[in-house]
Amino acid sequence: MPLQQGSARMRQRTVLLVGIVVLLAALVLAVVLASLLTHGREEVSPKMLKWKDRGTTKNLQEVILGRCYNYVTAQHPELGDKDCLKIWESLKDAFIYKNPCNITPEDYQPLMELASHPIPCNKSLFWSKTGDLAHRYTKSNQNFLTLEDTLLGYMADRISWCGDPSAPGINYESCPKRSECESNPGSVFWKMASKMFAEAACGVVQVMLNGSIEAGAFRSSSIFGSIEIFNLDPDKVSEVHIWLMQDIGGPQSESCSGHSIQRLVSILEERNFKIICEDNYRPVQLLQCVHNPDHTDCRLCTNST
């Protein structure tokens, strides 16, 4: 009887050892197959498309959310009902996993609706080739605001983003320039935001142009010349004031009587706007003089006999 029990125990141990060996072999096989499959996927997975412009801004989500919360809580608490998380999600959905040359206005429409807000009359300031000066002016004079002083413009100013059909759906290495394709995420966004900013303008509006550009202060190809000017509503806008700013010390390439300005005036008059043009609008020129206080253009008084 003891001999039979010993044989039974031996058979049990043998079966157990065989089971363990089979299980280990199966685990090894599974690991090998998983490695081969993973390696195969890496080889066939598409690479990120390569473009000529900088890639998506690092930590884009944190940047957008931080700017949004700052704008609606600290700067403009009257807009505190804006949902920054939904705004971020709508921006992300507009471009993630998409070919960055196939972006449409419809992609951004939910974002535009979520982030839009009223623009007070007489405060809209448009600009072309005077971005730094215009923004310095609105920071020192709260009576005016540019597109970049609205929620949409504030969130997106000086950052970039684009998607890619391959994982992770966002290209942090490169994004297309406008010369590579018109329908890229940045161009479509700024065109839509500019159109909405112009449509919201009312009362007296201002436009700051650069009179030191040899090619002319007004350019039909600019965002102002191709989009904003044609989306101003003559029934809402009473006057357009042109501030033609020249660099301190020149060059003085164009004045209010210049060729490109007269072309702009003609376009505005055809759309039934009243126009006032002023060379070197003094409040803005004084801001220029902060960096050039001793220049003759910056003298507040002149000697008279």
Foldseek 3Di string as FASTA:
>chain_A
DVVVVVVVVVVVVVVVVVVVVVVVVVVVVVVVVVVVVVVVCVVPFDDFDAADAAFFDPPLLVLLLVQLCCCCVVPNVVNVVQDSVVLSVLLCQQAFLDDQQPGDLVSCVVNCVRQDDADDEPAEEAEDPCVVLVVVVCVVPVSHDYLCSGSLNVSPPPGDWHFHNGPPRTTRGGFYDCVVHVRGSVNSSVLVSLLVSLLNYAEEYEYEFEQQDQVDGDDCPDSCNPHNLVNHQCVGYAAYEYEYEAQQVGDRNDACPDDRNVVVVVSCVVNPHHYHYDYHPPVSVCVSCVVVVPGPVNDPDDDDD
